[in-house]
Protein backbone atom coordinates (compact mmCIF):
# COMPACT_ATOMS: atom_id res chain seq x y z
CA MET A 1 0.00 0.00 0.00
CA TYR A 2 2.71 2.47 1.03
CA SER A 3 4.84 1.97 -2.08
CA THR A 4 1.74 2.27 -4.27
CA ILE A 5 0.53 5.57 -2.87
CA PHE A 6 4.07 6.92 -2.66
CA LYS A 7 4.34 6.64 -6.42
CA ARG A 8 0.93 8.30 -6.76
CA PHE A 9 1.96 11.48 -4.98
CA LYS A 10 3.53 13.76 -7.55
CA LYS A 11 4.02 16.83 -5.45
CA SER A 12 6.05 17.41 -2.35
CA PRO A 13 5.42 17.99 0.45
CA ILE A 14 2.22 15.98 0.66
CA LYS A 15 -0.65 17.12 2.87
CA ILE A 16 -1.96 14.94 5.69
CA GLY A 17 -5.38 16.14 6.83
CA THR A 18 -7.09 15.64 10.17
CA HIS A 19 -9.61 17.65 12.20
CA ASN A 20 -8.85 20.70 14.27
CA GLY A 21 -10.15 21.45 17.76
CA VAL A 22 -9.84 18.92 20.60
CA PHE A 23 -7.47 16.15 19.56
CA HIS A 24 -7.24 12.55 20.67
CA CYS A 25 -4.54 9.93 20.85
CA ASP A 26 -5.63 8.09 17.69
CA GLU A 27 -5.17 10.92 15.18
CA VAL A 28 -2.12 12.21 17.05
CA LEU A 29 -0.46 8.81 16.65
CA GLY A 30 -1.89 8.26 13.16
CA THR A 31 -0.41 11.49 11.82
CA TYR A 32 2.88 10.81 13.60
CA MET A 33 3.17 7.38 11.95
CA LEU A 34 2.41 8.84 8.52
CA GLN A 35 5.06 11.49 9.02
CA LEU A 36 7.59 8.77 9.72
CA LEU A 37 6.88 7.51 6.19
CA PHE A 38 6.63 10.97 4.67
CA PRO A 39 9.06 13.17 6.65
CA ASP A 40 8.51 16.21 4.43
CA SER A 41 4.72 16.11 4.78
CA ASN A 42 2.59 18.87 6.29
CA ILE A 43 -0.27 18.40 8.74
CA VAL A 44 -3.47 20.26 7.83
CA ARG A 45 -6.00 20.44 10.68
CA SER A 46 -9.51 21.42 9.59
CA ARG A 47 -13.11 20.21 9.37
CA ASP A 48 -13.74 22.17 6.20
CA ASP A 49 -14.44 19.73 3.36
CA ASN A 50 -13.03 22.19 0.83
CA VAL A 51 -9.74 22.22 2.72
CA LEU A 52 -9.64 18.46 3.29
CA LYS A 53 -10.36 17.56 -0.34
CA ASP A 54 -6.99 19.04 -1.30
CA CYS A 55 -5.16 16.78 1.17
CA ASP A 56 -3.39 13.68 -0.09
CA ILE A 57 -4.25 11.61 3.01
CA VAL A 58 -7.08 12.33 5.46
CA ILE A 59 -7.52 10.57 8.79
CA ASP A 60 -10.11 10.73 11.60
CA VAL A 61 -12.39 13.15 9.73
CA GLY A 62 -14.44 13.22 6.53
CA ASN A 63 -16.89 10.35 7.21
CA GLU A 64 -15.18 8.11 4.68
CA TYR A 65 -13.05 5.00 4.74
CA ASP A 66 -11.59 4.38 1.31
CA PRO A 67 -7.97 3.18 1.28
CA GLU A 68 -7.71 3.68 -2.49
CA LYS A 69 -8.42 7.37 -1.97
CA CYS A 70 -6.33 7.46 1.25
CA ARG A 71 -9.34 8.36 3.37
CA PHE A 72 -9.22 6.84 6.84
CA ASP A 73 -12.11 7.94 9.04
CA HIS A 74 -13.90 5.61 11.47
CA HIS A 75 -16.77 7.76 12.77
CA GLN A 76 -19.28 7.19 9.99
CA LYS A 77 -22.39 5.06 10.45
CA GLY A 78 -21.84 1.45 9.46
CA PHE A 79 -18.07 1.47 9.98
CA ASN A 80 -17.04 -1.63 11.88
CA GLU A 81 -13.65 -2.53 10.45
CA SER A 82 -11.10 -4.40 12.55
CA MET A 83 -7.66 -5.83 11.97
CA SER A 84 -9.25 -9.19 11.14
CA SER A 85 -11.59 -7.73 8.51
CA ILE A 86 -8.86 -5.75 6.74
CA ILE A 87 -6.01 -8.27 6.95
CA PRO A 88 -7.23 -11.86 6.46
CA GLY A 89 -5.83 -14.26 9.02
CA LYS A 90 -5.34 -11.73 11.82
CA GLN A 91 -7.19 -12.50 15.05
CA TRP A 92 -8.12 -9.05 16.41
CA THR A 93 -11.74 -7.95 16.16
CA THR A 94 -11.53 -4.64 18.05
CA LYS A 95 -13.07 -1.80 16.04
CA LEU A 96 -10.31 0.35 14.59
CA SER A 97 -9.67 4.01 15.28
CA SER A 98 -7.75 6.20 12.85
CA ALA A 99 -4.51 4.99 14.48
CA GLY A 100 -5.51 1.37 13.86
CA LEU A 101 -6.46 2.12 10.26
CA VAL A 102 -3.13 3.78 9.54
CA TYR A 103 -1.34 0.91 11.27
CA CYS A 104 -3.24 -1.76 9.31
CA HIS A 105 -2.41 -0.19 5.96
CA PHE A 106 1.07 1.21 6.63
CA GLY A 107 2.29 -0.49 9.82
CA LYS A 108 4.80 -2.89 8.30
CA ASP A 109 6.41 -0.12 6.26
CA ILE A 110 6.50 2.07 9.37
CA ILE A 111 8.20 -0.71 11.34
CA LYS A 112 10.80 -1.13 8.59
CA LYS A 113 11.35 2.62 8.63
CA ILE A 114 12.13 2.46 12.35
CA LEU A 115 14.12 -0.78 12.40
CA GLY A 116 15.78 -0.56 8.99
CA ASP A 117 15.14 -2.09 5.59
CA SER A 118 17.37 -5.08 6.38
CA THR A 119 14.91 -6.31 9.04
CA SER A 120 13.70 -9.79 8.14
CA ILE A 121 10.14 -10.40 6.95
CA ASP A 122 9.55 -12.74 9.90
CA GLU A 123 10.66 -10.13 12.42
CA VAL A 124 8.59 -7.37 10.81
CA GLU A 125 5.50 -9.59 10.84
CA ALA A 126 6.04 -10.62 14.46
CA VAL A 127 6.71 -7.05 15.66
CA PHE A 128 3.68 -5.83 13.69
CA ASP A 129 1.40 -8.27 15.54
CA HIS A 130 3.05 -7.70 18.92
CA VAL A 131 2.79 -3.90 18.74
CA TYR A 132 -0.85 -4.07 17.68
CA GLU A 133 -1.73 -6.49 20.47
CA ASN A 134 0.14 -4.56 23.15
CA PHE A 135 -0.12 -0.93 22.04
CA ILE A 136 -2.33 0.08 19.10
CA GLN A 137 -5.34 -2.03 20.12
CA GLU A 138 -5.56 -0.17 23.45
CA ILE A 139 -5.80 3.15 21.60
CA ASP A 140 -8.44 1.72 19.24
CA GLY A 141 -10.52 0.38 22.11
CA ILE A 142 -10.37 3.54 24.21
CA ASP A 143 -11.15 5.86 21.29
CA ASN A 144 -14.16 3.77 20.26
CA GLY A 145 -15.42 3.40 23.84
CA ILE A 146 -15.06 -0.38 23.90
CA PRO A 147 -14.97 -1.77 27.45
CA MET A 148 -12.22 -4.25 28.35
CA PHE A 149 -14.70 -6.53 30.11
CA GLU A 150 -18.31 -6.91 31.19
CA GLY A 151 -19.51 -5.10 34.30
CA GLU A 152 -18.17 -2.15 36.26
CA PRO A 153 -14.42 -1.97 37.03
CA LYS A 154 -13.32 -1.90 40.66
CA TYR A 155 -10.94 0.96 39.87
CA ARG A 156 -10.16 3.33 37.01
CA ILE A 157 -6.96 3.55 34.98
CA THR A 158 -6.23 7.21 34.30
CA THR A 159 -2.57 6.96 33.32
CA ASN A 160 -3.00 5.28 29.92
CA LEU A 161 -1.48 6.95 26.86
CA SER A 162 -4.84 8.24 25.61
CA SER A 163 -5.45 10.04 28.92
CA ARG A 164 -1.97 11.54 28.95
CA CYS A 165 -2.35 12.69 25.35
CA HIS A 166 -5.63 14.42 26.18
CA GLN A 167 -3.83 16.60 28.72
CA PHE A 168 -2.15 18.48 25.86
CA ASN A 169 -5.53 19.98 24.95
CA LYS A 170 -6.62 23.37 26.23
CA GLN A 171 -7.84 23.15 29.82
CA TRP A 172 -11.03 24.85 30.94
CA ASN A 173 -9.21 27.57 32.89
CA THR A 174 -6.36 28.21 30.46
CA PRO A 175 -6.65 31.69 28.89
CA ASP A 176 -6.89 31.68 25.08
CA SER A 177 -3.83 33.90 24.93
CA GLU A 178 -1.74 31.23 26.67
CA TYR A 179 -2.72 28.29 24.47
CA ASN A 180 -1.43 27.45 20.99
CA GLU A 181 -3.46 24.57 19.55
CA GLU A 182 -1.10 23.72 16.70
CA ALA A 183 1.96 23.80 18.95
CA SER A 184 0.16 21.60 21.50
CA PHE A 185 -0.79 19.11 18.79
CA SER A 186 2.86 18.90 17.71
CA GLU A 187 3.96 18.37 21.32
CA ALA A 188 1.38 15.60 21.69
CA GLN A 189 2.71 13.97 18.50
CA LYS A 190 6.24 13.94 19.92
CA TYR A 191 5.04 12.56 23.24
CA VAL A 192 2.84 9.79 21.82
CA GLY A 193 5.24 9.07 18.97
CA SER A 194 8.18 8.55 21.29
CA GLU A 195 6.25 5.82 23.13
CA PHE A 196 5.31 4.17 19.85
CA VAL A 197 8.89 4.16 18.54
CA SER A 198 10.13 2.88 21.91
CA LYS A 199 7.56 0.06 21.77
CA VAL A 200 8.70 -0.97 18.29
CA ASN A 201 12.38 -0.85 19.24
CA ARG A 202 11.84 -2.82 22.44
CA ALA A 203 9.82 -5.40 20.53
CA SER A 204 12.74 -5.82 18.13
CA THR A 205 15.64 -5.79 20.60
CA ILE A 206 14.11 -7.36 23.72
CA TRP A 207 10.94 -9.28 22.86
CA TRP A 208 11.78 -10.81 19.46
CA PRO A 209 15.17 -12.36 20.44
CA ALA A 210 13.41 -14.34 23.17
CA ARG A 211 11.56 -16.39 20.55
CA SER A 212 14.59 -18.56 19.81
CA MET A 213 15.07 -19.25 23.55
CA VAL A 214 11.45 -20.35 23.91
CA ALA A 215 11.60 -22.47 20.75
CA ASN A 216 14.75 -24.17 22.03
CA ALA A 217 13.14 -24.85 25.40
CA ILE A 218 10.09 -26.43 23.78
CA ALA A 219 12.27 -28.58 21.52
CA LYS A 220 14.22 -29.88 24.55
CA ARG A 221 11.25 -30.36 26.87
CA PHE A 222 11.55 -34.16 26.93
CA ASN A 223 15.10 -33.78 28.25
CA VAL A 224 13.69 -31.92 31.26
CA ASP A 225 11.08 -34.60 31.99
CA PRO A 226 9.81 -37.52 29.87
CA SER A 227 6.25 -36.20 30.17
CA GLY A 228 7.15 -33.16 28.04
CA GLN A 229 4.95 -31.03 30.33
CA ILE A 230 7.76 -28.88 31.72
CA ILE A 231 10.11 -26.61 29.80
CA GLU A 232 13.33 -25.00 31.00
CA LEU A 233 14.38 -21.58 29.75
CA GLU A 234 18.05 -20.65 29.51
CA GLY A 235 17.19 -17.52 31.50
CA HIS A 236 14.25 -15.32 32.37
CA CYS A 237 12.85 -13.66 29.25
CA PRO A 238 9.48 -12.44 27.84
CA TRP A 239 8.31 -15.94 26.98
CA LYS A 240 4.52 -16.04 27.16
CA GLU A 241 3.48 -14.64 23.79
CA HIS A 242 6.14 -16.64 21.96
CA PHE A 243 5.15 -19.77 23.86
CA PHE A 244 1.51 -19.68 22.79
CA ASN A 245 2.40 -18.78 19.20
CA LEU A 246 4.90 -21.65 18.98
CA GLU A 247 2.58 -24.11 20.72
CA LYS A 248 -0.02 -23.37 18.05
CA GLU A 249 2.46 -23.45 15.17
CA LEU A 250 3.94 -26.77 16.34
CA SER A 251 0.49 -28.29 17.04
CA ILE A 252 1.54 -29.44 20.51
CA GLU A 253 -1.32 -31.52 21.88
CA ASN A 254 0.02 -32.71 25.25
CA PRO A 255 -0.25 -29.48 27.27
CA ILE A 256 2.89 -27.93 28.73
CA LEU A 257 2.06 -27.02 32.32
CA PHE A 258 5.11 -25.39 33.89
CA VAL A 259 8.15 -23.31 32.98
CA ILE A 260 11.31 -23.26 35.09
CA PHE A 261 14.09 -20.68 34.83
CA SER A 262 16.79 -19.02 36.91
CA ASP A 263 16.17 -15.48 38.17
CA SER A 264 18.51 -12.51 38.53
CA HIS A 265 19.50 -13.62 42.06
CA ARG A 266 20.58 -17.09 40.90
CA ASN A 267 17.54 -18.67 42.48
CA TRP A 268 15.02 -20.57 40.40
CA ARG A 269 11.40 -20.02 39.53
CA CYS A 270 8.64 -22.47 38.69
CA GLN A 271 5.85 -20.70 36.82
CA ALA A 272 2.52 -22.19 35.82
CA VAL A 273 1.43 -21.81 32.20
CA SER A 274 -1.74 -19.76 31.88
CA VAL A 275 -4.63 -20.68 29.60
CA ASN A 276 -3.62 -17.85 27.23
CA ALA A 277 -1.03 -15.08 27.09
CA GLY A 278 -3.19 -12.49 28.85
CA SER A 279 -4.94 -14.68 31.43
CA TYR A 280 -4.35 -15.05 35.16
CA VAL A 281 -5.99 -18.48 35.08
CA CYS A 282 -3.46 -21.30 34.79
CA ARG A 283 -3.68 -24.77 33.32
CA GLN A 284 -2.47 -26.04 36.70
CA PHE A 285 -1.60 -23.87 39.67
CA LEU A 286 1.14 -24.93 42.07
CA HIS A 287 -0.34 -27.21 44.72
CA HIS A 288 -3.04 -25.45 46.75
CA GLU A 289 -1.57 -26.47 50.13
CA TRP A 290 1.62 -24.56 49.29
CA GLN A 291 0.01 -21.30 48.24
CA GLY A 292 1.00 -18.30 50.35
CA LEU A 293 3.70 -20.21 52.27
CA ARG A 294 7.41 -19.40 52.46
CA ASP A 295 10.84 -20.82 53.32
CA GLU A 296 11.09 -23.60 55.92
CA GLU A 297 7.34 -23.94 56.43
CA LEU A 298 6.84 -24.36 52.70
CA SER A 299 9.74 -26.79 52.33
CA LYS A 300 8.41 -28.93 55.18
CA ILE A 301 4.83 -29.13 53.88
CA ALA A 302 5.92 -29.65 50.26
CA GLY A 303 8.64 -32.15 51.18
CA ILE A 304 11.06 -30.29 48.87
CA GLU A 305 14.29 -28.72 50.06
CA GLY A 306 15.16 -25.11 49.32
CA CYS A 307 11.68 -23.68 48.79
CA ILE A 308 11.51 -19.88 48.95
CA PHE A 309 7.85 -19.07 48.31
CA VAL A 310 4.66 -19.91 46.44
CA HIS A 311 2.48 -16.97 45.44
CA HIS A 312 -0.89 -16.93 47.21
CA SER A 313 -2.62 -17.59 43.85
CA GLY A 314 -0.25 -20.45 42.99
CA PHE A 315 0.85 -19.11 39.60
CA ILE A 316 4.56 -18.99 40.53
CA GLY A 317 6.97 -20.28 43.14
CA GLY A 318 10.66 -20.03 43.97
CA ASN A 319 13.38 -22.42 45.02
CA LYS A 320 17.11 -22.11 45.69
CA SER A 321 18.01 -24.74 43.07
CA ARG A 322 17.01 -25.96 39.63
CA ASP A 323 16.30 -29.41 41.06
CA GLY A 324 13.99 -27.90 43.67
CA ALA A 325 12.05 -25.83 41.12
CA LEU A 326 11.66 -28.90 38.91
CA LYS A 327 10.42 -30.95 41.85
CA MET A 328 7.81 -28.29 42.64
CA ALA A 329 6.39 -28.70 39.14
CA LEU A 330 6.61 -32.50 39.11
CA LYS A 331 5.04 -32.92 42.54
CA THR A 332 2.18 -30.57 41.65
CA ILE A 333 1.43 -32.62 38.54
CA GLU A 334 1.65 -35.85 40.56
CA LEU A 335 -0.63 -34.58 43.35
CA ASN A 336 -3.20 -33.29 40.88
CA LYS A 337 -3.26 -36.64 39.08
CA SER A 338 -3.76 -38.42 42.41
CA SER A 339 -6.67 -36.16 43.33
CA GLU A 340 -8.36 -36.93 40.00
CA LEU A 341 -8.32 -40.70 40.64
């Protein structure tokens, strides 16, 4: 898409249109991403159709979604596009904001712009999915008023990026003479954009390299225990998302229940595998009689030397040695099997 429209634009600089007045995180980020692709572009902020029709790309205004014409609004009646409807095979069904629309159509080119053209196709694809799942989707959901869950929350989150971006708008008691809307929009772009670029870079340098560690651990799982239900990581790393992707890709049927790894203090951890990457519910929690206990009391009740703790929910525990962490996983599996008989 990017290379196609780039050839279409004959003049320079191109004009990127969005609405004026109160701004939100989605068009702030959307325009920032487009300016990464088109560094010499100008932002035109207006609701005047006669002004917007002369823009090369228009986002978040105009009541039209037409990628061939580079029109990317999401407010019009009947709009219900999501990542899954625009890109076949993607799983996300959250209604897109203007940020999500720009990301769907230009995201991979934007990622290559940040990381470099030599970035592999596999890495670009993985970072694209990861950044949508863990960054863009939040902005889409908030802008479209989509609740994260059913029912009323027990507390409010007011420090999300959308809330922080909104603070760049004119406040009720700020005198007109002390507020510059265009300058504030530019400041918001820099603020939001820096978080986006940081997210992409961290995905590339920290998250993506962990995939090979997780893949290696899964491949060697039968060396850890013949059941294949426990994997050992070479070190602590962001493993969850890679784990579930690889489990699906490799069609692993016998469920992996626990992950063991050494921590930064040279102790060991035994962590239960959750039912999915974002869930707090685990396939098997560490044994219920151990939950909330520590040190000698835990070691005595578990019958395993070197125990440090088991979290009160049972999703993770600690031991002074690899052997002890492995035994915590094995004994939990054994006790659960016994209770099922």
